[in-house]
């Protein structure tokens, strides 16, 4: 139950990122979150939308794992997607900003540990 709840939380985080990067990228609130200027946001909106789409794929994979069942048949998919999120979070933390480590990688690491513990 804890593993499924944490997997759902990671999925929600990534759906929120999808929404921010694909739909709300140029809004003042999202620019504040990502620390961008209006000009930078306008110039990078297509790139941000592409990133958002990838975050949506991660979220969709986690939702599919939940539908398949955790613990159970969805475990392998959940572990794979969570590992991908952790790697992306570590890379983002190293190349963009440490905050990504806490927003993206840490929740995925907790979910991964919980899913493994429920075997």
PDB file of N, CA and C in Angstrom:
ATOM      1  N   UNK A   1       0.828  -1.203   0.000  1.00  0.00           N
ATOM      2  CA  UNK A   1       0.000   0.000   0.000  1.00  0.00           C
ATOM      3  C   UNK A   1       0.867   1.260   0.000  1.00  0.00           C
ATOM      4  N   UNK A   2       1.923   1.271   0.824  1.00  0.00           N
ATOM      5  CA  UNK A   2       2.805   2.437   0.869  1.00  0.00           C
ATOM      6  C   UNK A   2       3.503   2.621  -0.465  1.00  0.00           C
ATOM      7  N   UNK A   3       3.968   1.515  -1.053  1.00  0.00           N
ATOM      8  CA  UNK A   3       4.633   1.599  -2.349  1.00  0.00           C
ATOM      9  C   UNK A   3       3.723   2.172  -3.420  1.00  0.00           C
ATOM     10  N   UNK A   4       2.496   1.679  -3.478  1.00  0.00           N
ATOM     11  CA  UNK A   4       1.547   2.178  -4.478  1.00  0.00           C
ATOM     12  C   UNK A   4       1.244   3.653  -4.255  1.00  0.00           C
ATOM     13  N   UNK A   5       1.130   4.057  -2.997  1.00  0.00           N
ATOM     14  CA  UNK A   5       0.857   5.466  -2.693  1.00  0.00           C
ATOM     15  C   UNK A   5       2.010   6.352  -3.142  1.00  0.00           C
ATOM     16  N   UNK A   6       3.245   5.910  -2.872  1.00  0.00           N
ATOM     17  CA  UNK A   6       4.410   6.706  -3.291  1.00  0.00           C
ATOM     18  C   UNK A   6       4.568   6.716  -4.806  1.00  0.00           C
ATOM     19  N   UNK A   7       4.266   5.610  -5.456  1.00  0.00           N
ATOM     20  CA  UNK A   7       4.297   5.575  -6.932  1.00  0.00           C
ATOM     21  C   UNK A   7       3.272   6.556  -7.485  1.00  0.00           C
ATOM     22  N   UNK A   8       2.089   6.578  -6.894  1.00  0.00           N
ATOM     23  CA  UNK A   8       1.057   7.527  -7.325  1.00  0.00           C
ATOM     24  C   UNK A   8       1.525   8.962  -7.122  1.00  0.00           C
ATOM     25  N   UNK A   9       2.199   9.229  -6.015  1.00  0.00           N
ATOM     26  CA  UNK A   9       2.730  10.575  -5.759  1.00  0.00           C
ATOM     27  C   UNK A   9       3.739  10.984  -6.832  1.00  0.00           C
ATOM     28  N   UNK A  10       4.635  10.087  -7.184  1.00  0.00           N
ATOM     29  CA  UNK A  10       5.620  10.390  -8.239  1.00  0.00           C
ATOM     30  C   UNK A  10       4.901  10.636  -9.563  1.00  0.00           C
ATOM     31  N   UNK A  11       3.866   9.857  -9.860  1.00  0.00           N
ATOM     32  CA  UNK A  11       3.095  10.077 -11.091  1.00  0.00           C
ATOM     33  C   UNK A  11       2.449  11.454 -11.079  1.00  0.00           C
ATOM     34  N   UNK A  12       1.874  11.843  -9.959  1.00  0.00           N
ATOM     35  CA  UNK A  12       1.241  13.176  -9.852  1.00  0.00           C
ATOM     36  C   UNK A  12       2.281  14.274 -10.059  1.00  0.00           C
ATOM     37  N   UNK A  13       3.450  14.117  -9.456  1.00  0.00           N
ATOM     38  CA  UNK A  13       4.527  15.105  -9.640  1.00  0.00           C
ATOM     39  C   UNK A  13       4.840  15.256 -11.127  1.00  0.00           C
ATOM     40  N   UNK A  14       4.928  14.142 -11.833  1.00  0.00           N
ATOM     41  CA  UNK A  14       5.311  14.218 -13.249  1.00  0.00           C
ATOM     42  C   UNK A  14       4.176  14.708 -14.140  1.00  0.00           C
ATOM     43  N   UNK A  15       2.942  14.433 -13.768  1.00  0.00           N
ATOM     44  CA  UNK A  15       1.834  15.044 -14.502  1.00  0.00           C
ATOM     45  C   UNK A  15       1.816  16.558 -14.269  1.00  0.00           C
ATOM     46  N   UNK A  16       2.148  16.981 -13.058  1.00  0.00           N
ATOM     47  CA  UNK A  16       2.221  18.423 -12.771  1.00  0.00           C
ATOM     48  C   UNK A  16       3.332  19.074 -13.590  1.00  0.00           C
ATOM     49  N   UNK A  17       4.465  18.393 -13.689  1.00  0.00           N
ATOM     50  CA  UNK A  17       5.565  18.923 -14.509  1.00  0.00           C
ATOM     51  C   UNK A  17       5.132  19.005 -15.968  1.00  0.00           C
ATOM     52  N   UNK A  18       4.431  17.975 -16.451  1.00  0.00           N
ATOM     53  CA  UNK A  18       3.900  18.016 -17.820  1.00  0.00           C
ATOM     54  C   UNK A  18       3.039  19.256 -18.014  1.00  0.00           C
ATOM     55  N   UNK A  19       2.133  19.494 -17.100  1.00  0.00           N
ATOM     56  CA  UNK A  19       1.236  20.648 -17.202  1.00  0.00           C
ATOM     57  C   UNK A  19       2.024  21.960 -17.216  1.00  0.00           C
ATOM     58  N   UNK A  20       2.992  22.080 -16.323  1.00  0.00           N
ATOM     59  CA  UNK A  20       3.785  23.313 -16.267  1.00  0.00           C
ATOM     60  C   UNK A  20       4.603  23.519 -17.536  1.00  0.00           C
ATOM     61  N   UNK A  21       5.225  22.443 -18.036  1.00  0.00           N
ATOM     62  CA  UNK A  21       6.119  22.598 -19.182  1.00  0.00           C
ATOM     63  C   UNK A  21       5.383  22.663 -20.519  1.00  0.00           C
ATOM     64  N   UNK A  22       4.230  22.027 -20.615  1.00  0.00           N
ATOM     65  CA  UNK A  22       3.526  22.005 -21.903  1.00  0.00           C
ATOM     66  C   UNK A  22       2.463  23.088 -22.028  1.00  0.00           C
ATOM     67  N   UNK A  23       1.853  23.481 -20.914  1.00  0.00           N
ATOM     68  CA  UNK A  23       0.707  24.385 -20.977  1.00  0.00           C
ATOM     69  C   UNK A  23       0.987  25.735 -20.316  1.00  0.00           C
ATOM     70  N   UNK A  24       1.646  25.714 -19.193  1.00  0.00           N
ATOM     71  CA  UNK A  24       1.783  26.921 -18.367  1.00  0.00           C
ATOM     72  C   UNK A  24       3.179  27.532 -18.393  1.00  0.00           C
ATOM     73  N   UNK A  25       4.021  27.106 -19.301  1.00  0.00           N
ATOM     74  CA  UNK A  25       5.429  27.478 -19.317  1.00  0.00           C
ATOM     75  C   UNK A  25       5.680  28.991 -19.239  1.00  0.00           C
ATOM     76  N   UNK A  26       4.873  29.762 -19.911  1.00  0.00           N
ATOM     77  CA  UNK A  26       5.127  31.210 -19.973  1.00  0.00           C
ATOM     78  C   UNK A  26       4.361  32.011 -18.920  1.00  0.00           C
ATOM     79  N   UNK A  27       3.661  31.348 -18.023  1.00  0.00           N
ATOM     80  CA  UNK A  27       2.928  32.072 -16.982  1.00  0.00           C
ATOM     81  C   UNK A  27       3.889  32.554 -15.896  1.00  0.00           C
ATOM     82  N   UNK A  28       3.552  33.656 -15.246  1.00  0.00           N
ATOM     83  CA  UNK A  28       4.437  34.184 -14.199  1.00  0.00           C
ATOM     84  C   UNK A  28       4.739  33.173 -13.087  1.00  0.00           C
ATOM     85  N   UNK A  29       3.739  32.411 -12.673  1.00  0.00           N
ATOM     86  CA  UNK A  29       3.949  31.436 -11.586  1.00  0.00           C
ATOM     87  C   UNK A  29       4.960  30.367 -11.990  1.00  0.00           C
ATOM     88  N   UNK A  30       4.821  29.819 -13.173  1.00  0.00           N
ATOM     89  CA  UNK A  30       5.730  28.766 -13.629  1.00  0.00           C
ATOM     90  C   UNK A  30       7.119  29.353 -13.929  1.00  0.00           C
ATOM     91  N   UNK A  31       7.142  30.552 -14.467  1.00  0.00           N
ATOM     92  CA  UNK A  31       8.451  31.196 -14.679  1.00  0.00           C
ATOM     93  C   UNK A  31       9.159  31.385 -13.341  1.00  0.00           C
ATOM     94  N   UNK A  32       8.417  31.697 -12.307  1.00  0.00           N
ATOM     95  CA  UNK A  32       8.997  31.846 -10.976  1.00  0.00           C
ATOM     96  C   UNK A  32       9.529  30.507 -10.456  1.00  0.00           C
ATOM     97  N   UNK A  33       8.762  29.449 -10.651  1.00  0.00           N
ATOM     98  CA  UNK A  33       9.182  28.118 -10.197  1.00  0.00           C
ATOM     99  C   UNK A  33      10.475  27.689 -10.893  1.00  0.00           C
ATOM    100  N   UNK A  34      10.526  27.906 -12.208  1.00  0.00           N
ATOM    101  CA  UNK A  34      11.690  27.486 -12.988  1.00  0.00           C
ATOM    102  C   UNK A  34      12.766  28.572 -13.098  1.00  0.00           C
ATOM    103  N   UNK A  35      12.489  29.711 -12.486  1.00  0.00           N
ATOM    104  CA  UNK A  35      13.437  30.834 -12.456  1.00  0.00           C
ATOM    105  C   UNK A  35      13.860  31.266 -13.856  1.00  0.00           C
ATOM    106  N   UNK A  36      12.847  31.544 -14.685  1.00  0.00           N
ATOM    107  CA  UNK A  36      13.117  32.000 -16.047  1.00  0.00           C
ATOM    108  C   UNK A  36      12.537  33.390 -16.260  1.00  0.00           C
ATOM    109  N   UNK A  37      13.070  34.063 -17.236  1.00  0.00           N
ATOM    110  CA  UNK A  37      12.564  35.381 -17.623  1.00  0.00           C
ATOM    111  C   UNK A  37      11.485  35.196 -18.690  1.00  0.00           C
ATOM    112  N   UNK A  38      10.674  36.224 -18.919  1.00  0.00           N
ATOM    113  CA  UNK A  38       9.673  36.111 -19.997  1.00  0.00           C
ATOM    114  C   UNK A  38      10.303  35.806 -21.359  1.00  0.00           C
ATOM    115  N   UNK A  39      11.428  36.449 -21.659  1.00  0.00           N
ATOM    116  CA  UNK A  39      12.086  36.219 -22.951  1.00  0.00           C
ATOM    117  C   UNK A  39      12.611  34.785 -23.063  1.00  0.00           C
ATOM    118  N   UNK A  40      13.221  34.298 -21.995  1.00  0.00           N
ATOM    119  CA  UNK A  40      13.743  32.927 -22.011  1.00  0.00           C
ATOM    120  C   UNK A  40      12.597  31.931 -22.156  1.00  0.00           C
ATOM    121  N   UNK A  41      11.511  32.139 -21.412  1.00  0.00           N
ATOM    122  CA  UNK A  41      10.361  31.236 -21.489  1.00  0.00           C
ATOM    123  C   UNK A  41       9.782  31.216 -22.908  1.00  0.00           C
ATOM    124  N   UNK A  42       9.677  32.372 -23.527  1.00  0.00           N
ATOM    125  CA  UNK A  42       9.150  32.440 -24.894  1.00  0.00           C
ATOM    126  C   UNK A  42      10.074  31.717 -25.871  1.00  0.00           C
ATOM    127  N   UNK A  43      11.375  31.895 -25.680  1.00  0.00           N
ATOM    128  CA  UNK A  43      12.344  31.294 -26.601  1.00  0.00           C
ATOM    129  C   UNK A  43      12.456  29.777 -26.418  1.00  0.00           C
ATOM    130  N   UNK A  44      12.090  29.270 -25.256  1.00  0.00           N
ATOM    131  CA  UNK A  44      12.288  27.848 -24.971  1.00  0.00           C
ATOM    132  C   UNK A  44      10.978  27.072 -24.832  1.00  0.00           C
ATOM    133  N   UNK A  45       9.864  27.672 -25.198  1.00  0.00           N
ATOM    134  CA  UNK A  45       8.582  27.009 -24.946  1.00  0.00           C
ATOM    135  C   UNK A  45       8.453  25.674 -25.676  1.00  0.00           C
ATOM    136  N   UNK A  46       8.993  25.557 -26.879  1.00  0.00           N
ATOM    137  CA  UNK A  46       8.905  24.285 -27.612  1.00  0.00           C
ATOM    138  C   UNK A  46       9.784  23.234 -26.938  1.00  0.00           C
ATOM    139  N   UNK A  47      10.968  23.628 -26.495  1.00  0.00           N
ATOM    140  CA  UNK A  47      11.839  22.698 -25.779  1.00  0.00           C
ATOM    141  C   UNK A  47      11.198  22.252 -24.469  1.00  0.00           C
ATOM    142  N   UNK A  48      10.594  23.186 -23.759  1.00  0.00           N
ATOM    143  CA  UNK A  48       9.929  22.859 -22.494  1.00  0.00           C
ATOM    144  C   UNK A  48       8.764  21.902 -22.741  1.00  0.00           C
ATOM    145  N   UNK A  49       8.019  22.136 -23.800  1.00  0.00           N
ATOM    146  CA  UNK A  49       6.898  21.252 -24.116  1.00  0.00           C
ATOM    147  C   UNK A  49       7.395  19.834 -24.404  1.00  0.00           C
ATOM    148  N   UNK A  50       8.518  19.721 -25.085  1.00  0.00           N
ATOM    149  CA  UNK A  50       9.108  18.413 -25.353  1.00  0.00           C
ATOM    150  C   UNK A  50       9.483  17.724 -24.047  1.00  0.00           C
ATOM    151  N   UNK A  51      10.100  18.442 -23.141  1.00  0.00           N
ATOM    152  CA  UNK A  51      10.439  17.887 -21.824  1.00  0.00           C
ATOM    153  C   UNK A  51       9.170  17.480 -21.087  1.00  0.00           C
ATOM    154  N   UNK A  52       8.145  18.292 -21.177  1.00  0.00           N
ATOM    155  CA  UNK A  52       6.887  17.980 -20.522  1.00  0.00           C
ATOM    156  C   UNK A  52       6.286  16.685 -21.031  1.00  0.00           C
ATOM    157  N   UNK A  53       6.388  16.480 -22.331  1.00  0.00           N
ATOM    158  CA  UNK A  53       5.861  15.253 -22.915  1.00  0.00           C
ATOM    159  C   UNK A  53       6.575  14.033 -22.328  1.00  0.00           C
ATOM    160  N   UNK A  54       7.881  14.116 -22.202  1.00  0.00           N
ATOM    161  CA  UNK A  54       8.635  13.007 -21.610  1.00  0.00           C
ATOM    162  C   UNK A  54       8.223  12.770 -20.159  1.00  0.00           C
ATOM    163  N   UNK A  55       7.994  13.833 -19.412  1.00  0.00           N
ATOM    164  CA  UNK A  55       7.519  13.678 -18.036  1.00  0.00           C
ATOM    165  C   UNK A  55       6.152  13.019 -18.011  1.00  0.00           C
ATOM    166  N   UNK A  56       5.329  13.326 -18.989  1.00  0.00           N
ATOM    167  CA  UNK A  56       4.032  12.675 -19.093  1.00  0.00           C
ATOM    168  C   UNK A  56       4.155  11.186 -19.372  1.00  0.00           C
ATOM    169  N   UNK A  57       5.130  10.804 -20.195  1.00  0.00           N
ATOM    170  CA  UNK A  57       5.352   9.383 -20.453  1.00  0.00           C
ATOM    171  C   UNK A  57       5.764   8.654 -19.172  1.00  0.00           C
ATOM    172  N   UNK A  58       6.614   9.290 -18.369  1.00  0.00           N
ATOM    173  CA  UNK A  58       7.012   8.686 -17.094  1.00  0.00           C
ATOM    174  C   UNK A  58       5.790   8.507 -16.194  1.00  0.00           C
ATOM    175  N   UNK A  59       4.968   9.532 -16.092  1.00  0.00           N
ATOM    176  CA  UNK A  59       3.765   9.454 -15.267  1.00  0.00           C
ATOM    177  C   UNK A  59       2.825   8.367 -15.786  1.00  0.00           C
ATOM    178  N   UNK A  60       2.640   8.300 -17.095  1.00  0.00           N
ATOM    179  CA  UNK A  60       1.748   7.298 -17.677  1.00  0.00           C
ATOM    180  C   UNK A  60       2.258   5.887 -17.391  1.00  0.00           C
ATOM    181  N   UNK A  61       3.555   5.686 -17.455  1.00  0.00           N
ATOM    182  CA  UNK A  61       4.134   4.373 -17.125  1.00  0.00           C
ATOM    183  C   UNK A  61       3.859   3.990 -15.687  1.00  0.00           C
ATOM    184  N   UNK A  62       3.958   4.951 -14.786  1.00  0.00           N
ATOM    185  CA  UNK A  62       3.679   4.668 -13.379  1.00  0.00           C
ATOM    186  C   UNK A  62       2.196   4.362 -13.157  1.00  0.00           C
ATOM    187  N   UNK A  63       1.323   5.082 -13.845  1.00  0.00           N
ATOM    188  CA  UNK A  63      -0.114   4.803 -13.746  1.00  0.00           C
ATOM    189  C   UNK A  63      -0.413   3.404 -14.291  1.00  0.00           C
ATOM    190  N   UNK A  64       0.212   3.048 -15.389  1.00  0.00           N
ATOM    191  CA  UNK A  64       0.023   1.704 -15.940  1.00  0.00           C
ATOM    192  C   UNK A  64       0.479   0.647 -14.938  1.00  0.00           C
ATOM    193  N   UNK A  65       1.604   0.876 -14.278  1.00  0.00           N
ATOM    194  CA  UNK A  65       2.086  -0.064 -13.258  1.00  0.00           C
ATOM    195  C   UNK A  65       1.071  -0.194 -12.123  1.00  0.00           C
ATOM    196  N   UNK A  66       0.481   0.926 -11.731  1.00  0.00           N
ATOM    197  CA  UNK A  66      -0.539   0.884 -10.678  1.00  0.00           C
ATOM    198  C   UNK A  66      -1.768   0.100 -11.126  1.00  0.00           C
ATOM    199  N   UNK A  67      -2.177   0.292 -12.368  1.00  0.00           N
ATOM    200  CA  UNK A  67      -3.339  -0.432 -12.901  1.00  0.00           C
ATOM    201  C   UNK A  67      -3.046  -1.940 -12.953  1.00  0.00           C
ATOM    202  N   UNK A  68      -1.826  -2.291 -13.338  1.00  0.00           N
ATOM    203  CA  UNK A  68      -1.448  -3.704 -13.407  1.00  0.00           C
ATOM    204  C   UNK A  68      -1.387  -4.339 -12.022  1.00  0.00           C
ATOM    205  N   UNK A  69      -1.085  -3.518 -11.018  1.00  0.00           N
ATOM    206  CA  UNK A  69      -1.097  -4.006  -9.646  1.00  0.00           C
ATOM    207  C   UNK A  69       0.235  -3.918  -8.937  1.00  0.00           C
ATOM    208  N   UNK A  70       0.220  -3.260  -7.778  1.00  0.00           N
ATOM    209  CA  UNK A  70       1.393  -3.170  -6.895  1.00  0.00           C
ATOM    210  C   UNK A  70       0.956  -3.509  -5.480  1.00  0.00           C
ATOM    211  N   UNK A  71       1.630  -4.418  -4.814  1.00  0.00           N
ATOM    212  CA  UNK A  71       2.617  -5.329  -5.410  1.00  0.00           C
ATOM    213  C   UNK A  71       1.927  -6.296  -6.372  1.00  0.00           C
ATOM    214  N   UNK A  72       2.688  -6.803  -7.288  1.00  0.00           N
ATOM    215  CA  UNK A  72       2.129  -7.719  -8.268  1.00  0.00           C
ATOM    216  C   UNK A  72       2.685  -7.496  -9.647  1.00  0.00           C
ATOM    217  N   UNK A  73       1.865  -7.708 -10.676  1.00  0.00           N
ATOM    218  CA  UNK A  73       2.333  -7.680 -12.054  1.00  0.00           C
ATOM    219  C   UNK A  73       2.934  -6.341 -12.501  1.00  0.00           C
ATOM    220  N   UNK A  74       2.548  -5.251 -11.876  1.00  0.00           N
ATOM    221  CA  UNK A  74       3.072  -3.944 -12.286  1.00  0.00           C
ATOM    222  C   UNK A  74       4.409  -3.588 -11.672  1.00  0.00           C
ATOM    223  N   UNK A  75       4.928  -4.458 -10.823  1.00  0.00           N
ATOM    224  CA  UNK A  75       6.153  -4.134 -10.095  1.00  0.00           C
ATOM    225  C   UNK A  75       7.357  -3.893 -11.010  1.00  0.00           C
ATOM    226  N   UNK A  76       7.551  -4.749 -11.992  1.00  0.00           N
ATOM    227  CA  UNK A  76       8.701  -4.581 -12.893  1.00  0.00           C
ATOM    228  C   UNK A  76       8.657  -3.251 -13.629  1.00  0.00           C
ATOM    229  N   UNK A  77       7.491  -2.900 -14.134  1.00  0.00           N
ATOM    230  CA  UNK A  77       7.339  -1.624 -14.835  1.00  0.00           C
ATOM    231  C   UNK A  77       7.568  -0.456 -13.886  1.00  0.00           C
ATOM    232  N   UNK A  78       6.999  -0.544 -12.681  1.00  0.00           N
ATOM    233  CA  UNK A  78       7.186   0.534 -11.704  1.00  0.00           C
ATOM    234  C   UNK A  78       8.664   0.707 -11.370  1.00  0.00           C
ATOM    235  N   UNK A  79       9.378  -0.390 -11.160  1.00  0.00           N
ATOM    236  CA  UNK A  79      10.804  -0.298 -10.825  1.00  0.00           C
ATOM    237  C   UNK A  79      11.598   0.334 -11.965  1.00  0.00           C
ATOM    238  N   UNK A  80      11.282  -0.062 -13.197  1.00  0.00           N
ATOM    239  CA  UNK A  80      11.987   0.507 -14.348  1.00  0.00           C
ATOM    240  C   UNK A  80      11.737   2.015 -14.466  1.00  0.00           C
ATOM    241  N   UNK A  81      10.462   2.414 -14.406  1.00  0.00           N
ATOM    242  CA  UNK A  81      10.139   3.838 -14.553  1.00  0.00           C
ATOM    243  C   UNK A  81      10.730   4.639 -13.394  1.00  0.00           C
ATOM    244  N   UNK A  82      10.638   4.127 -12.174  1.00  0.00           N
ATOM    245  CA  UNK A  82      11.208   4.838 -11.030  1.00  0.00           C
ATOM    246  C   UNK A  82      12.725   4.980 -11.180  1.00  0.00           C
ATOM    247  N   UNK A  83      13.394   3.948 -11.680  1.00  0.00           N
ATOM    248  CA  UNK A  83      14.836   4.045 -11.918  1.00  0.00           C
ATOM    249  C   UNK A  83      15.132   5.124 -12.960  1.00  0.00           C
ATOM    250  N   UNK A  84      14.302   5.204 -14.008  1.00  0.00           N
ATOM    251  CA  UNK A  84      14.472   6.247 -15.022  1.00  0.00           C
ATOM    252  C   UNK A  84      14.300   7.633 -14.402  1.00  0.00           C
ATOM    253  N   UNK A  85      13.298   7.790 -13.537  1.00  0.00           N
ATOM    254  CA  UNK A  85      13.062   9.072 -12.879  1.00  0.00           C
ATOM    255  C   UNK A  85      14.253   9.436 -11.999  1.00  0.00           C
ATOM    256  N   UNK A  86      14.803   8.462 -11.284  1.00  0.00           N
ATOM    257  CA  UNK A  86      15.955   8.725 -10.419  1.00  0.00           C
ATOM    258  C   UNK A  86      17.154   9.171 -11.249  1.00  0.00           C
ATOM    259  N   UNK A  87      17.428   8.471 -12.336  1.00  0.00           N
ATOM    260  CA  UNK A  87      18.558   8.853 -13.197  1.00  0.00           C
ATOM    261  C   UNK A  87      18.339  10.253 -13.775  1.00  0.00           C
ATOM    262  N   UNK A  88      17.137  10.534 -14.249  1.00  0.00           N
ATOM    263  CA  UNK A  88      16.840  11.868 -14.786  1.00  0.00           C
ATOM    264  C   UNK A  88      16.983  12.927 -13.706  1.00  0.00           C
ATOM    265  N   UNK A  89      16.540  12.619 -12.495  1.00  0.00           N
ATOM    266  CA  UNK A  89      16.658  13.566 -11.392  1.00  0.00           C
ATOM    267  C   UNK A  89      18.101  13.822 -11.008  1.00  0.00           C
ATOM    268  N   UNK A  90      18.910  12.769 -10.988  1.00  0.00           N
ATOM    269  CA  UNK A  90      20.338  12.947 -10.680  1.00  0.00           C
ATOM    270  C   UNK A  90      21.037  13.773 -11.749  1.00  0.00           C
ATOM    271  N   UNK A  91      20.709  13.485 -13.003  1.00  0.00           N
ATOM    272  CA  UNK A  91      21.301  14.253 -14.107  1.00  0.00           C
ATOM    273  C   UNK A  91      20.859  15.715 -14.039  1.00  0.00           C
ATOM    274  N   UNK A  92      19.577  15.925 -13.814  1.00  0.00           N
ATOM    275  CA  UNK A  92      19.071  17.292 -13.703  1.00  0.00           C
ATOM    276  C   UNK A  92      19.698  18.034 -12.534  1.00  0.00           C
ATOM    277  N   UNK A  93      19.873  17.352 -11.419  1.00  0.00           N
ATOM    278  CA  UNK A  93      20.498  17.984 -10.252  1.00  0.00           C
ATOM    279  C   UNK A  93      21.939  18.362 -10.541  1.00  0.00           C
ATOM    280  N   UNK A  94      22.633  17.526 -11.301  1.00  0.00           N
ATOM    281  CA  UNK A  94      24.039  17.796 -11.619  1.00  0.00           C
ATOM    282  C   UNK A  94      24.198  18.877 -12.684  1.00  0.00           C
ATOM    283  N   UNK A  95      23.221  18.988 -13.588  1.00  0.00           N
ATOM    284  CA  UNK A  95      23.400  19.908 -14.716  1.00  0.00           C
ATOM    285  C   UNK A  95      22.556  21.169 -14.650  1.00  0.00           C
ATOM    286  N   UNK A  96      21.442  21.122 -13.916  1.00  0.00           N
ATOM    287  CA  UNK A  96      20.534  22.266 -13.882  1.00  0.00           C
ATOM    288  C   UNK A  96      20.471  22.901 -12.507  1.00  0.00           C
ATOM    289  N   UNK A  97      20.159  22.088 -11.498  1.00  0.00           N
ATOM    290  CA  UNK A  97      20.058  22.640 -10.150  1.00  0.00           C
ATOM    291  C   UNK A  97      19.762  21.564  -9.129  1.00  0.00           C
ATOM    292  N   UNK A  98      20.292  21.727  -7.945  1.00  0.00           N
ATOM    293  CA  UNK A  98      20.168  20.753  -6.871  1.00  0.00           C
ATOM    294  C   UNK A  98      18.706  20.504  -6.472  1.00  0.00           C
ATOM    295  N   UNK A  99      17.860  21.502  -6.656  1.00  0.00           N
ATOM    296  CA  UNK A  99      16.452  21.380  -6.285  1.00  0.00           C
ATOM    297  C   UNK A  99      15.784  20.178  -6.960  1.00  0.00           C
ATOM    298  N   UNK A 100      16.223  19.829  -8.162  1.00  0.00           N
ATOM    299  CA  UNK A 100      15.659  18.695  -8.891  1.00  0.00           C
ATOM    300  C   UNK A 100      15.888  17.392  -8.121  1.00  0.00           C
ATOM    301  N   UNK A 101      16.973  17.323  -7.398  1.00  0.00           N
ATOM    302  CA  UNK A 101      17.264  16.148  -6.586  1.00  0.00           C
ATOM    303  C   UNK A 101      16.147  15.896  -5.580  1.00  0.00           C
ATOM    304  N   UNK A 102      15.644  16.958  -4.975  1.00  0.00           N
ATOM    305  CA  UNK A 102      14.618  16.826  -3.938  1.00  0.00           C
ATOM    306  C   UNK A 102      13.208  16.692  -4.507  1.00  0.00           C
ATOM    307  N   UNK A 103      12.962  17.353  -5.626  1.00  0.00           N
ATOM    308  CA  UNK A 103      11.618  17.340  -6.214  1.00  0.00           C
ATOM    309  C   UNK A 103      11.372  16.075  -7.034  1.00  0.00           C
ATOM    310  N   UNK A 104      12.402  15.583  -7.694  1.00  0.00           N
ATOM    311  CA  UNK A 104      12.216  14.484  -8.634  1.00  0.00           C
ATOM    312  C   UNK A 104      12.864  13.187  -8.147  1.00  0.00           C
ATOM    313  N   UNK A 105      14.150  13.209  -7.848  1.00  0.00           N
ATOM    314  CA  UNK A 105      14.864  11.968  -7.538  1.00  0.00           C
ATOM    315  C   UNK A 105      14.495  11.403  -6.167  1.00  0.00           C
ATOM    316  N   UNK A 106      14.415  12.234  -5.153  1.00  0.00           N
ATOM    317  CA  UNK A 106      14.150  11.729  -3.798  1.00  0.00           C
ATOM    318  C   UNK A 106      12.800  11.028  -3.679  1.00  0.00           C
ATOM    319  N   UNK A 107      11.700  11.623  -4.171  1.00  0.00           N
ATOM    320  CA  UNK A 107      10.431  10.893  -4.087  1.00  0.00           C
ATOM    321  C   UNK A 107      10.464   9.558  -4.847  1.00  0.00           C
ATOM    322  N   UNK A 108      11.134   9.541  -5.998  1.00  0.00           N
ATOM    323  CA  UNK A 108      11.228   8.300  -6.779  1.00  0.00           C
ATOM    324  C   UNK A 108      12.060   7.257  -6.037  1.00  0.00           C
ATOM    325  N   UNK A 109      13.118   7.704  -5.364  1.00  0.00           N
ATOM    326  CA  UNK A 109      13.954   6.780  -4.594  1.00  0.00           C
ATOM    327  C   UNK A 109      13.159   6.178  -3.427  1.00  0.00           C
ATOM    328  N   UNK A 110      12.378   7.004  -2.748  1.00  0.00           N
ATOM    329  CA  UNK A 110      11.523   6.497  -1.666  1.00  0.00           C
ATOM    330  C   UNK A 110      10.495   5.499  -2.202  1.00  0.00           C
ATOM    331  N   UNK A 111       9.888   5.828  -3.342  1.00  0.00           N
ATOM    332  CA  UNK A 111       8.905   4.923  -3.944  1.00  0.00           C
ATOM    333  C   UNK A 111       9.563   3.613  -4.358  1.00  0.00           C
ATOM    334  N   UNK A 112      10.740   3.691  -4.943  1.00  0.00           N
ATOM    335  CA  UNK A 112      11.457   2.496  -5.364  1.00  0.00           C
ATOM    336  C   UNK A 112      11.737   1.596  -4.160  1.00  0.00           C
ATOM    337  N   UNK A 113      12.227   2.191  -3.068  1.00  0.00           N
ATOM    338  CA  UNK A 113      12.484   1.406  -1.873  1.00  0.00           C
ATOM    339  C   UNK A 113      11.229   0.762  -1.315  1.00  0.00           C
ATOM    340  N   UNK A 114      10.130   1.494  -1.335  1.00  0.00           N
ATOM    341  CA  UNK A 114       8.863   0.956  -0.819  1.00  0.00           C
ATOM    342  C   UNK A 114       8.347  -0.172  -1.698  1.00  0.00           C
ATOM    343  N   UNK A 115       8.452  -0.029  -3.015  1.00  0.00           N
ATOM    344  CA  UNK A 115       7.996  -1.077  -3.914  1.00  0.00           C
ATOM    345  C   UNK A 115       8.852  -2.332  -3.726  1.00  0.00           C
ATOM    346  N   UNK A 116      10.155  -2.153  -3.575  1.00  0.00           N
ATOM    347  CA  UNK A 116      11.037  -3.310  -3.343  1.00  0.00           C
ATOM    348  C   UNK A 116      10.739  -3.982  -2.012  1.00  0.00           C
ATOM    349  N   UNK A 117      10.391  -3.212  -1.013  1.00  0.00           N
ATOM    350  CA  UNK A 117      10.124  -3.755   0.328  1.00  0.00           C
ATOM    351  C   UNK A 117       8.831  -4.562   0.362  1.00  0.00           C
ATOM    352  N   UNK A 118       7.949  -4.341  -0.594  1.00  0.00           N
ATOM    353  CA  UNK A 118       6.660  -5.021  -0.593  1.00  0.00           C
ATOM    354  C   UNK A 118       6.672  -6.336  -1.376  1.00  0.00           C
ATOM    355  N   UNK A 119       7.852  -6.801  -1.722  1.00  0.00           N
ATOM    356  CA  UNK A 119       7.960  -8.057  -2.489  1.00  0.00           C
ATOM    357  C   UNK A 119       7.534  -9.225  -1.624  1.00  0.00           C
TER     358      UNK A 119
END
